Full PDB file with SEQRES, HELIX, SHEET, SSBOND, CRYST1, ORIGX, SCALE, CONECT and MASTER records, all heavy atoms in Angstrom:
SEQRES   1 A   39  ASP ALA TYR TYR GLY THR THR LEU ASP THR ASP GLY VAL          
SEQRES   2 A   39  TYR GLN ALA SER PRO ASP SER PRO TYR ALA ASP ASP LEU          
SEQRES   3 A   39  ALA ARG ALA ASP ALA ALA ALA LYS LYS GLN ILE ASP ARG          
HELIX    1 AA1 PRO A   21  ASP A   38  1                                  18    
SHEET    1 AA1 2 THR A   7  LEU A   8  0                                        
SHEET    2 AA1 2 TYR A  14  GLN A  15 -1                                        
CRYST1    1.000    1.000    1.000  90.00  90.00  90.00 P 1           1          
ORIGX1      1.000000  0.000000  0.000000        0.00000                         
ORIGX2      0.000000  1.000000  0.000000        0.00000                         
ORIGX3      0.000000  0.000000  1.000000        0.00000                         
SCALE1      1.000000  0.000000  0.000000        0.00000                         
SCALE2      0.000000  1.000000  0.000000        0.00000                         
SCALE3      0.000000  0.000000  1.000000        0.00000                         
ATOM      1  N   ASP A   1    -120.896 -14.554  52.415  1.00  0.00           N  
ATOM      2  CA  ASP A   1    -121.598 -13.440  51.775  1.00  0.00           C  
ATOM      3  C   ASP A   1    -122.717 -12.914  52.675  1.00  0.00           C  
ATOM      4  O   ASP A   1    -122.918 -11.696  52.792  1.00  0.00           O  
ATOM      5  CB  ASP A   1    -122.187 -13.882  50.431  1.00  0.00           C  
ATOM      6  CG  ASP A   1    -121.148 -13.905  49.322  1.00  0.00           C  
ATOM      7  OD1 ASP A   1    -120.106 -13.237  49.471  1.00  0.00           O  
ATOM      8  OD2 ASP A   1    -121.384 -14.587  48.307  1.00  0.00           O  
ATOM      9  N   ALA A   2    -123.432 -13.827  53.313  1.00  0.00           N  
ATOM     10  CA  ALA A   2    -124.516 -13.411  54.199  1.00  0.00           C  
ATOM     11  C   ALA A   2    -123.963 -12.662  55.408  1.00  0.00           C  
ATOM     12  O   ALA A   2    -124.554 -11.678  55.875  1.00  0.00           O  
ATOM     13  CB  ALA A   2    -125.320 -14.630  54.647  1.00  0.00           C  
ATOM     14  N   TYR A   3    -122.836 -13.112  55.931  1.00  0.00           N  
ATOM     15  CA  TYR A   3    -122.233 -12.479  57.098  1.00  0.00           C  
ATOM     16  C   TYR A   3    -121.797 -11.047  56.781  1.00  0.00           C  
ATOM     17  O   TYR A   3    -122.041 -10.118  57.553  1.00  0.00           O  
ATOM     18  CB  TYR A   3    -121.045 -13.304  57.572  1.00  0.00           C  
ATOM     19  CG  TYR A   3    -120.330 -12.713  58.762  1.00  0.00           C  
ATOM     20  CD1 TYR A   3    -120.966 -12.619  59.998  1.00  0.00           C  
ATOM     21  CD2 TYR A   3    -119.028 -12.247  58.644  1.00  0.00           C  
ATOM     22  CE1 TYR A   3    -120.305 -12.056  61.087  1.00  0.00           C  
ATOM     23  CE2 TYR A   3    -118.364 -11.697  59.732  1.00  0.00           C  
ATOM     24  CZ  TYR A   3    -119.004 -11.603  60.950  1.00  0.00           C  
ATOM     25  OH  TYR A   3    -118.359 -11.048  62.019  1.00  0.00           O  
ATOM     26  N   TYR A   4    -121.143 -10.861  55.626  1.00  0.00           N  
ATOM     27  CA  TYR A   4    -120.713  -9.530  55.209  1.00  0.00           C  
ATOM     28  C   TYR A   4    -121.860  -8.684  54.651  1.00  0.00           C  
ATOM     29  O   TYR A   4    -121.735  -7.458  54.566  1.00  0.00           O  
ATOM     30  CB  TYR A   4    -119.651  -9.627  54.112  1.00  0.00           C  
ATOM     31  CG  TYR A   4    -118.250  -9.904  54.584  1.00  0.00           C  
ATOM     32  CD1 TYR A   4    -117.632 -11.121  54.328  1.00  0.00           C  
ATOM     33  CD2 TYR A   4    -117.517  -8.935  55.268  1.00  0.00           C  
ATOM     34  CE1 TYR A   4    -116.328 -11.375  54.741  1.00  0.00           C  
ATOM     35  CE2 TYR A   4    -116.213  -9.171  55.680  1.00  0.00           C  
ATOM     36  CZ  TYR A   4    -115.627 -10.401  55.414  1.00  0.00           C  
ATOM     37  OH  TYR A   4    -114.339 -10.648  55.814  1.00  0.00           O  
ATOM     38  N   GLY A   5    -122.952  -9.338  54.233  1.00  0.00           N  
ATOM     39  CA  GLY A   5    -123.963  -8.611  53.482  1.00  0.00           C  
ATOM     40  C   GLY A   5    -123.386  -8.122  52.166  1.00  0.00           C  
ATOM     41  O   GLY A   5    -123.616  -6.992  51.734  1.00  0.00           O  
ATOM     42  N   THR A   6    -122.616  -8.999  51.507  1.00  0.00           N  
ATOM     43  CA  THR A   6    -121.830  -8.619  50.331  1.00  0.00           C  
ATOM     44  C   THR A   6    -122.714  -8.075  49.213  1.00  0.00           C  
ATOM     45  O   THR A   6    -123.676  -8.726  48.789  1.00  0.00           O  
ATOM     46  CB  THR A   6    -121.041  -9.828  49.808  1.00  0.00           C  
ATOM     47  OG1 THR A   6    -120.260 -10.372  50.871  1.00  0.00           O  
ATOM     48  CG2 THR A   6    -120.124  -9.428  48.666  1.00  0.00           C  
ATOM     49  N   THR A   7    -122.378  -6.870  48.735  1.00  0.00           N  
ATOM     50  CA  THR A   7    -123.093  -6.261  47.621  1.00  0.00           C  
ATOM     51  C   THR A   7    -122.090  -5.576  46.702  1.00  0.00           C  
ATOM     52  O   THR A   7    -121.006  -5.172  47.122  1.00  0.00           O  
ATOM     53  CB  THR A   7    -124.101  -5.199  48.110  1.00  0.00           C  
ATOM     54  OG1 THR A   7    -123.413  -4.242  48.914  1.00  0.00           O  
ATOM     55  CG2 THR A   7    -125.219  -5.843  48.922  1.00  0.00           C  
ATOM     56  N   LEU A   8    -122.479  -5.436  45.434  1.00  0.00           N  
ATOM     57  CA  LEU A   8    -121.679  -4.686  44.472  1.00  0.00           C  
ATOM     58  C   LEU A   8    -122.103  -3.224  44.511  1.00  0.00           C  
ATOM     59  O   LEU A   8    -123.286  -2.908  44.407  1.00  0.00           O  
ATOM     60  CB  LEU A   8    -121.884  -5.236  43.060  1.00  0.00           C  
ATOM     61  CG  LEU A   8    -120.993  -6.382  42.580  1.00  0.00           C  
ATOM     62  CD1 LEU A   8    -121.460  -6.858  41.216  1.00  0.00           C  
ATOM     63  CD2 LEU A   8    -119.531  -5.956  42.514  1.00  0.00           C  
ATOM     64  N   ASP A   9    -121.132  -2.313  44.660  1.00  0.00           N  
ATOM     65  CA  ASP A   9    -121.485  -0.901  44.637  1.00  0.00           C  
ATOM     66  C   ASP A   9    -121.542  -0.397  43.201  1.00  0.00           C  
ATOM     67  O   ASP A   9    -121.365  -1.167  42.245  1.00  0.00           O  
ATOM     68  CB  ASP A   9    -120.525  -0.072  45.506  1.00  0.00           C  
ATOM     69  CG  ASP A   9    -119.098  -0.026  44.968  1.00  0.00           C  
ATOM     70  OD1 ASP A   9    -118.870  -0.400  43.794  1.00  0.00           O  
ATOM     71  OD2 ASP A   9    -118.193   0.392  45.717  1.00  0.00           O  
ATOM     72  N   THR A  10    -121.783   0.886  43.023  1.00  0.00           N  
ATOM     73  CA  THR A  10    -121.948   1.432  41.667  1.00  0.00           C  
ATOM     74  C   THR A  10    -120.666   1.405  40.862  1.00  0.00           C  
ATOM     75  O   THR A  10    -120.700   1.527  39.635  1.00  0.00           O  
ATOM     76  CB  THR A  10    -122.461   2.888  41.751  1.00  0.00           C  
ATOM     77  OG1 THR A  10    -121.559   3.652  42.567  1.00  0.00           O  
ATOM     78  CG2 THR A  10    -123.852   2.930  42.363  1.00  0.00           C  
ATOM     79  N   ASP A  11    -119.532   1.243  41.537  1.00  0.00           N  
ATOM     80  CA  ASP A  11    -118.246   1.131  40.834  1.00  0.00           C  
ATOM     81  C   ASP A  11    -117.863  -0.320  40.560  1.00  0.00           C  
ATOM     82  O   ASP A  11    -116.755  -0.591  40.081  1.00  0.00           O  
ATOM     83  CB  ASP A  11    -117.140   1.788  41.662  1.00  0.00           C  
ATOM     84  CG  ASP A  11    -117.330   3.285  41.793  1.00  0.00           C  
ATOM     85  OD1 ASP A  11    -117.761   3.919  40.808  1.00  0.00           O  
ATOM     86  OD2 ASP A  11    -117.065   3.831  42.887  1.00  0.00           O  
ATOM     87  N   GLY A  12    -118.747  -1.248  40.896  1.00  0.00           N  
ATOM     88  CA  GLY A  12    -118.466  -2.658  40.654  1.00  0.00           C  
ATOM     89  C   GLY A  12    -117.529  -3.274  41.673  1.00  0.00           C  
ATOM     90  O   GLY A  12    -116.858  -4.266  41.375  1.00  0.00           O  
ATOM     91  N   VAL A  13    -117.487  -2.717  42.881  1.00  0.00           N  
ATOM     92  CA  VAL A  13    -116.626  -3.220  43.949  1.00  0.00           C  
ATOM     93  C   VAL A  13    -117.487  -3.912  44.993  1.00  0.00           C  
ATOM     94  O   VAL A  13    -118.516  -3.385  45.432  1.00  0.00           O  
ATOM     95  CB  VAL A  13    -115.840  -2.067  44.603  1.00  0.00           C  
ATOM     96  CG1 VAL A  13    -115.020  -2.571  45.786  1.00  0.00           C  
ATOM     97  CG2 VAL A  13    -114.940  -1.394  43.574  1.00  0.00           C  
ATOM     98  N   TYR A  14    -117.063  -5.104  45.396  1.00  0.00           N  
ATOM     99  CA  TYR A  14    -117.789  -5.809  46.455  1.00  0.00           C  
ATOM    100  C   TYR A  14    -117.548  -5.124  47.795  1.00  0.00           C  
ATOM    101  O   TYR A  14    -116.404  -4.909  48.206  1.00  0.00           O  
ATOM    102  CB  TYR A  14    -117.351  -7.273  46.529  1.00  0.00           C  
ATOM    103  CG  TYR A  14    -117.869  -8.114  45.395  1.00  0.00           C  
ATOM    104  CD1 TYR A  14    -117.021  -8.546  44.373  1.00  0.00           C  
ATOM    105  CD2 TYR A  14    -119.216  -8.483  45.332  1.00  0.00           C  
ATOM    106  CE1 TYR A  14    -117.495  -9.319  43.320  1.00  0.00           C  
ATOM    107  CE2 TYR A  14    -119.699  -9.268  44.288  1.00  0.00           C  
ATOM    108  CZ  TYR A  14    -118.839  -9.674  43.293  1.00  0.00           C  
ATOM    109  OH  TYR A  14    -119.306 -10.444  42.255  1.00  0.00           O  
ATOM    110  N   GLN A  15    -118.647  -4.786  48.464  1.00  0.00           N  
ATOM    111  CA  GLN A  15    -118.586  -4.077  49.733  1.00  0.00           C  
ATOM    112  C   GLN A  15    -119.339  -4.861  50.811  1.00  0.00           C  
ATOM    113  O   GLN A  15    -120.200  -5.684  50.519  1.00  0.00           O  
ATOM    114  CB  GLN A  15    -119.241  -2.689  49.595  1.00  0.00           C  
ATOM    115  CG  GLN A  15    -118.566  -1.776  48.595  1.00  0.00           C  
ATOM    116  CD  GLN A  15    -117.414  -1.008  49.215  1.00  0.00           C  
ATOM    117  OE1 GLN A  15    -117.003  -1.273  50.337  1.00  0.00           O  
ATOM    118  NE2 GLN A  15    -116.891  -0.026  48.492  1.00  0.00           N  
ATOM    119  N   ALA A  16    -119.011  -4.571  52.054  1.00  0.00           N  
ATOM    120  CA  ALA A  16    -119.756  -5.116  53.180  1.00  0.00           C  
ATOM    121  C   ALA A  16    -120.893  -4.159  53.523  1.00  0.00           C  
ATOM    122  O   ALA A  16    -120.719  -2.938  53.525  1.00  0.00           O  
ATOM    123  CB  ALA A  16    -118.837  -5.293  54.388  1.00  0.00           C  
ATOM    124  N   SER A  17    -122.046  -4.707  53.830  1.00  0.00           N  
ATOM    125  CA  SER A  17    -123.193  -3.880  54.150  1.00  0.00           C  
ATOM    126  C   SER A  17    -123.060  -3.271  55.545  1.00  0.00           C  
ATOM    127  O   SER A  17    -122.638  -3.956  56.482  1.00  0.00           O  
ATOM    128  CB  SER A  17    -124.476  -4.712  54.088  1.00  0.00           C  
ATOM    129  OG  SER A  17    -125.562  -4.004  54.656  1.00  0.00           O  
ATOM    130  N   PRO A  18    -123.446  -2.023  55.723  1.00  0.00           N  
ATOM    131  CA  PRO A  18    -123.422  -1.419  57.055  1.00  0.00           C  
ATOM    132  C   PRO A  18    -124.456  -2.017  57.994  1.00  0.00           C  
ATOM    133  O   PRO A  18    -124.405  -1.775  59.203  1.00  0.00           O  
ATOM    134  CB  PRO A  18    -123.719   0.059  56.769  1.00  0.00           C  
ATOM    135  CG  PRO A  18    -124.438   0.068  55.459  1.00  0.00           C  
ATOM    136  CD  PRO A  18    -123.865  -1.070  54.680  1.00  0.00           C  
ATOM    137  N   ASP A  19    -125.378  -2.799  57.449  1.00  0.00           N  
ATOM    138  CA  ASP A  19    -126.413  -3.445  58.267  1.00  0.00           C  
ATOM    139  C   ASP A  19    -126.141  -4.936  58.471  1.00  0.00           C  
ATOM    140  O   ASP A  19    -127.016  -5.668  58.931  1.00  0.00           O  
ATOM    141  CB  ASP A  19    -127.790  -3.280  57.607  1.00  0.00           C  
ATOM    142  CG  ASP A  19    -128.171  -1.819  57.422  1.00  0.00           C  
ATOM    143  OD1 ASP A  19    -127.904  -1.027  58.347  1.00  0.00           O  
ATOM    144  OD2 ASP A  19    -128.710  -1.480  56.361  1.00  0.00           O  
ATOM    145  N   SER A  20    -124.928  -5.376  58.167  1.00  0.00           N  
ATOM    146  CA  SER A  20    -124.598  -6.805  58.211  1.00  0.00           C  
ATOM    147  C   SER A  20    -124.202  -7.264  59.609  1.00  0.00           C  
ATOM    148  O   SER A  20    -123.825  -6.450  60.464  1.00  0.00           O  
ATOM    149  CB  SER A  20    -123.438  -7.088  57.258  1.00  0.00           C  
ATOM    150  OG  SER A  20    -122.270  -6.405  57.698  1.00  0.00           O  
ATOM    151  N   PRO A  21    -124.242  -8.572  59.861  1.00  0.00           N  
ATOM    152  CA  PRO A  21    -123.690  -9.099  61.114  1.00  0.00           C  
ATOM    153  C   PRO A  21    -122.218  -8.731  61.300  1.00  0.00           C  
ATOM    154  O   PRO A  21    -121.768  -8.490  62.419  1.00  0.00           O  
ATOM    155  CB  PRO A  21    -123.873 -10.615  60.973  1.00  0.00           C  
ATOM    156  CG  PRO A  21    -125.028 -10.767  60.039  1.00  0.00           C  
ATOM    157  CD  PRO A  21    -124.902  -9.629  59.068  1.00  0.00           C  
ATOM    158  N   TYR A  22    -121.475  -8.676  60.195  1.00  0.00           N  
ATOM    159  CA  TYR A  22    -120.075  -8.257  60.238  1.00  0.00           C  
ATOM    160  C   TYR A  22    -119.947  -6.854  60.822  1.00  0.00           C  
ATOM    161  O   TYR A  22    -119.149  -6.607  61.740  1.00  0.00           O  
ATOM    162  CB  TYR A  22    -119.499  -8.309  58.824  1.00  0.00           C  
ATOM    163  CG  TYR A  22    -118.111  -7.737  58.647  1.00  0.00           C  
ATOM    164  CD1 TYR A  22    -117.004  -8.316  59.260  1.00  0.00           C  
ATOM    165  CD2 TYR A  22    -117.896  -6.622  57.828  1.00  0.00           C  
ATOM    166  CE1 TYR A  22    -115.723  -7.797  59.070  1.00  0.00           C  
ATOM    167  CE2 TYR A  22    -116.626  -6.104  57.627  1.00  0.00           C  
ATOM    168  CZ  TYR A  22    -115.542  -6.692  58.255  1.00  0.00           C  
ATOM    169  OH  TYR A  22    -114.278  -6.178  58.062  1.00  0.00           O  
ATOM    170  N   ALA A  23    -120.755  -5.925  60.318  1.00  0.00           N  
ATOM    171  CA  ALA A  23    -120.710  -4.550  60.805  1.00  0.00           C  
ATOM    172  C   ALA A  23    -121.104  -4.480  62.279  1.00  0.00           C  
ATOM    173  O   ALA A  23    -120.527  -3.702  63.049  1.00  0.00           O  
ATOM    174  CB  ALA A  23    -121.624  -3.657  59.961  1.00  0.00           C  
ATOM    175  N   ASP A  24    -122.078  -5.276  62.683  1.00  0.00           N  
ATOM    176  CA  ASP A  24    -122.496  -5.300  64.082  1.00  0.00           C  
ATOM    177  C   ASP A  24    -121.359  -5.776  64.987  1.00  0.00           C  
ATOM    178  O   ASP A  24    -121.118  -5.213  66.063  1.00  0.00           O  
ATOM    179  CB  ASP A  24    -123.711  -6.209  64.261  1.00  0.00           C  
ATOM    180  CG  ASP A  24    -124.978  -5.637  63.638  1.00  0.00           C  
ATOM    181  OD1 ASP A  24    -125.004  -4.420  63.349  1.00  0.00           O  
ATOM    182  OD2 ASP A  24    -125.930  -6.407  63.430  1.00  0.00           O  
ATOM    183  N   ASP A  25    -120.652  -6.824  64.555  1.00  0.00           N  
ATOM    184  CA  ASP A  25    -119.543  -7.350  65.362  1.00  0.00           C  
ATOM    185  C   ASP A  25    -118.396  -6.350  65.436  1.00  0.00           C  
ATOM    186  O   ASP A  25    -117.753  -6.193  66.482  1.00  0.00           O  
ATOM    187  CB  ASP A  25    -119.061  -8.683  64.789  1.00  0.00           C  
ATOM    188  CG  ASP A  25    -120.040  -9.820  65.039  1.00  0.00           C  
ATOM    189  OD1 ASP A  25    -120.826  -9.720  66.001  1.00  0.00           O  
ATOM    190  OD2 ASP A  25    -120.015 -10.803  64.283  1.00  0.00           O  
ATOM    191  N   LEU A  26    -118.127  -5.670  64.324  1.00  0.00           N  
ATOM    192  CA  LEU A  26    -117.100  -4.628  64.336  1.00  0.00           C  
ATOM    193  C   LEU A  26    -117.464  -3.517  65.317  1.00  0.00           C  
ATOM    194  O   LEU A  26    -116.612  -3.028  66.069  1.00  0.00           O  
ATOM    195  CB  LEU A  26    -116.941  -4.026  62.938  1.00  0.00           C  
ATOM    196  CG  LEU A  26    -116.236  -4.862  61.883  1.00  0.00           C  
ATOM    197  CD1 LEU A  26    -116.383  -4.191  60.514  1.00  0.00           C  
ATOM    198  CD2 LEU A  26    -114.762  -5.051  62.211  1.00  0.00           C  
ATOM    199  N   ALA A  27    -118.723  -3.124  65.309  1.00  0.00           N  
ATOM    200  CA  ALA A  27    -119.159  -2.038  66.181  1.00  0.00           C  
ATOM    201  C   ALA A  27    -118.967  -2.405  67.650  1.00  0.00           C  
ATOM    202  O   ALA A  27    -118.575  -1.557  68.463  1.00  0.00           O  
ATOM    203  CB  ALA A  27    -120.622  -1.700  65.899  1.00  0.00           C  
ATOM    204  N   ARG A  28    -119.225  -3.655  68.000  1.00  0.00           N  
ATOM    205  CA  ARG A  28    -119.026  -4.083  69.386  1.00  0.00           C  
ATOM    206  C   ARG A  28    -117.543  -4.045  69.764  1.00  0.00           C  
ATOM    207  O   ARG A  28    -117.181  -3.616  70.868  1.00  0.00           O  
ATOM    208  CB  ARG A  28    -119.605  -5.478  69.589  1.00  0.00           C  
ATOM    209  CG  ARG A  28    -121.106  -5.484  69.800  1.00  0.00           C  
ATOM    210  CD  ARG A  28    -121.599  -6.868  70.189  1.00  0.00           C  
ATOM    211  NE  ARG A  28    -121.663  -7.749  69.032  1.00  0.00           N  
ATOM    212  CZ  ARG A  28    -122.739  -7.862  68.255  1.00  0.00           C  
ATOM    213  NH1 ARG A  28    -123.818  -7.136  68.501  1.00  0.00           N  
ATOM    214  NH2 ARG A  28    -122.739  -8.681  67.220  1.00  0.00           N  
ATOM    215  N   ALA A  29    -116.692  -4.503  68.854  1.00  0.00           N  
ATOM    216  CA  ALA A  29    -115.251  -4.468  69.129  1.00  0.00           C  
ATOM    217  C   ALA A  29    -114.755  -3.038  69.263  1.00  0.00           C  
ATOM    218  O   ALA A  29    -113.968  -2.715  70.157  1.00  0.00           O  
ATOM    219  CB  ALA A  29    -114.492  -5.194  68.017  1.00  0.00           C  
ATOM    220  N   ASP A  30    -115.222  -2.153  68.369  1.00  0.00           N  
ATOM    221  CA  ASP A  30    -114.799  -0.761  68.416  1.00  0.00           C  
ATOM    222  C   ASP A  30    -115.255  -0.087  69.707  1.00  0.00           C  
ATOM    223  O   ASP A  30    -114.514   0.706  70.309  1.00  0.00           O  
ATOM    224  CB  ASP A  30    -115.355   0.001  67.216  1.00  0.00           C  
ATOM    225  CG  ASP A  30    -114.656  -0.353  65.913  1.00  0.00           C  
ATOM    226  OD1 ASP A  30    -113.639  -1.069  65.962  1.00  0.00           O  
ATOM    227  OD2 ASP A  30    -115.131   0.078  64.851  1.00  0.00           O  
ATOM    228  N   ALA A  31    -116.465  -0.395  70.147  1.00  0.00           N  
ATOM    229  CA  ALA A  31    -116.976   0.199  71.379  1.00  0.00           C  
ATOM    230  C   ALA A  31    -116.126  -0.221  72.578  1.00  0.00           C  
ATOM    231  O   ALA A  31    -115.814   0.591  73.457  1.00  0.00           O  
ATOM    232  CB  ALA A  31    -118.437  -0.195  71.592  1.00  0.00           C  
ATOM    233  N   ALA A  32    -115.739  -1.489  72.604  1.00  0.00           N  
ATOM    234  CA  ALA A  32    -114.890  -1.970  73.696  1.00  0.00           C  
ATOM    235  C   ALA A  32    -113.522  -1.302  73.653  1.00  0.00           C  
ATOM    236  O   ALA A  32    -112.967  -0.919  74.690  1.00  0.00           O  
ATOM    237  CB  ALA A  32    -114.743  -3.490  73.607  1.00  0.00           C  
ATOM    238  N   ALA A  33    -112.968  -1.145  72.451  1.00  0.00           N  
ATOM    239  CA  ALA A  33    -111.659  -0.503  72.308  1.00  0.00           C  
ATOM    240  C   ALA A  33    -111.719   0.965  72.729  1.00  0.00           C  
ATOM    241  O   ALA A  33    -110.781   1.482  73.350  1.00  0.00           O  
ATOM    242  CB  ALA A  33    -111.163  -0.628  70.873  1.00  0.00           C  
ATOM    243  N   LYS A  34    -112.808   1.642  72.411  1.00  0.00           N  
ATOM    244  CA  LYS A  34    -112.939   3.049  72.801  1.00  0.00           C  
ATOM    245  C   LYS A  34    -112.981   3.192  74.319  1.00  0.00           C  
ATOM    246  O   LYS A  34    -112.422   4.149  74.874  1.00  0.00           O  
ATOM    247  CB  LYS A  34    -114.182   3.655  72.157  1.00  0.00           C  
ATOM    248  CG  LYS A  34    -114.015   3.948  70.674  1.00  0.00           C  
ATOM    249  CD  LYS A  34    -115.261   4.564  70.059  1.00  0.00           C  
ATOM    250  CE  LYS A  34    -115.038   4.887  68.588  1.00  0.00           C  
ATOM    251  NZ  LYS A  34    -116.245   5.476  67.954  1.00  0.00           N  
ATOM    252  N   LYS A  35    -113.618   2.265  74.999  1.00  0.00           N  
ATOM    253  CA  LYS A  35    -113.634   2.306  76.461  1.00  0.00           C  
ATOM    254  C   LYS A  35    -112.224   2.156  77.021  1.00  0.00           C  
ATOM    255  O   LYS A  35    -111.844   2.836  77.983  1.00  0.00           O  
ATOM    256  CB  LYS A  35    -114.545   1.212  77.012  1.00  0.00           C  
ATOM    257  CG  LYS A  35    -116.026   1.470  76.791  1.00  0.00           C  
ATOM    258  CD  LYS A  35    -116.878   0.362  77.399  1.00  0.00           C  
ATOM    259  CE  LYS A  35    -118.368   0.636  77.180  1.00  0.00           C  
ATOM    260  NZ  LYS A  35    -119.207  -0.453  77.751  1.00  0.00           N  
ATOM    261  N   GLN A  36    -111.445   1.273  76.408  1.00  0.00           N  
ATOM    262  CA  GLN A  36    -110.055   1.102  76.843  1.00  0.00           C  
ATOM    263  C   GLN A  36    -109.237   2.360  76.567  1.00  0.00           C  
ATOM    264  O   GLN A  36    -108.396   2.771  77.384  1.00  0.00           O  
ATOM    265  CB  GLN A  36    -109.431  -0.108  76.149  1.00  0.00           C  
ATOM    266  CG  GLN A  36    -107.951  -0.306  76.384  1.00  0.00           C  
ATOM    267  CD  GLN A  36    -107.577  -0.619  77.826  1.00  0.00           C  
ATOM    268  OE1 GLN A  36    -108.432  -0.666  78.703  1.00  0.00           O  
ATOM    269  NE2 GLN A  36    -106.295  -0.837  78.075  1.00  0.00           N  
ATOM    270  N   ILE A  37    -109.465   2.984  75.422  1.00  0.00           N  
ATOM    271  CA  ILE A  37    -108.780   4.239  75.095  1.00  0.00           C  
ATOM    272  C   ILE A  37    -109.132   5.312  76.126  1.00  0.00           C  
ATOM    273  O   ILE A  37    -108.262   6.051  76.600  1.00  0.00           O  
ATOM    274  CB  ILE A  37    -109.153   4.693  73.667  1.00  0.00           C  
ATOM    275  CG1 ILE A  37    -108.511   3.762  72.627  1.00  0.00           C  
ATOM    276  CG2 ILE A  37    -108.735   6.143  73.428  1.00  0.00           C  
ATOM    277  CD1 ILE A  37    -109.036   3.966  71.220  1.00  0.00           C  
ATOM    278  N   ASP A  38    -110.389   5.392  76.492  1.00  0.00           N  
ATOM    279  CA  ASP A  38    -110.817   6.369  77.497  1.00  0.00           C  
ATOM    280  C   ASP A  38    -110.115   6.129  78.829  1.00  0.00           C  
ATOM    281  O   ASP A  38    -109.643   7.071  79.476  1.00  0.00           O  
ATOM    282  CB  ASP A  38    -112.330   6.302  77.693  1.00  0.00           C  
ATOM    283  CG  ASP A  38    -113.111   6.836  76.500  1.00  0.00           C  
ATOM    284  OD1 ASP A  38    -112.514   7.556  75.675  1.00  0.00           O  
ATOM    285  OD2 ASP A  38    -114.302   6.508  76.383  1.00  0.00           O  
ATOM    286  N   ARG A  39    -110.058   4.860  79.247  1.00  0.00           N  
ATOM    287  CA  ARG A  39    -109.385   4.536  80.508  1.00  0.00           C  
ATOM    288  C   ARG A  39    -107.908   4.909  80.450  1.00  0.00           C  
ATOM    289  O   ARG A  39    -107.350   5.474  81.397  1.00  0.00           O  
ATOM    290  CB  ARG A  39    -109.542   3.040  80.821  1.00  0.00           C  
ATOM    291  CG  ARG A  39    -110.929   2.631  81.284  1.00  0.00           C  
ATOM    292  CD  ARG A  39    -110.913   1.214  81.833  1.00  0.00           C  
ATOM    293  NE  ARG A  39    -110.665   0.230  80.788  1.00  0.00           N  
ATOM    294  CZ  ARG A  39    -111.621  -0.387  80.108  1.00  0.00           C  
ATOM    295  NH1 ARG A  39    -112.900  -0.123  80.350  1.00  0.00           N  
ATOM    296  NH2 ARG A  39    -111.319  -1.284  79.184  1.00  0.00           N  
TER     297      ARG A  39                                                      
MASTER        0    0    0    1    2    0    0    6  296    1    0    3          
END                                                                             
């Protein structure tokens, strides 16, 4: 839960926080993939 920053949204759905360690790790992976796409 801490890794995802798990929270309930207004519709009662568990979501990952955009400020979570999970989101940070995703952003790093996406940035690396975009560099490969550019190449």
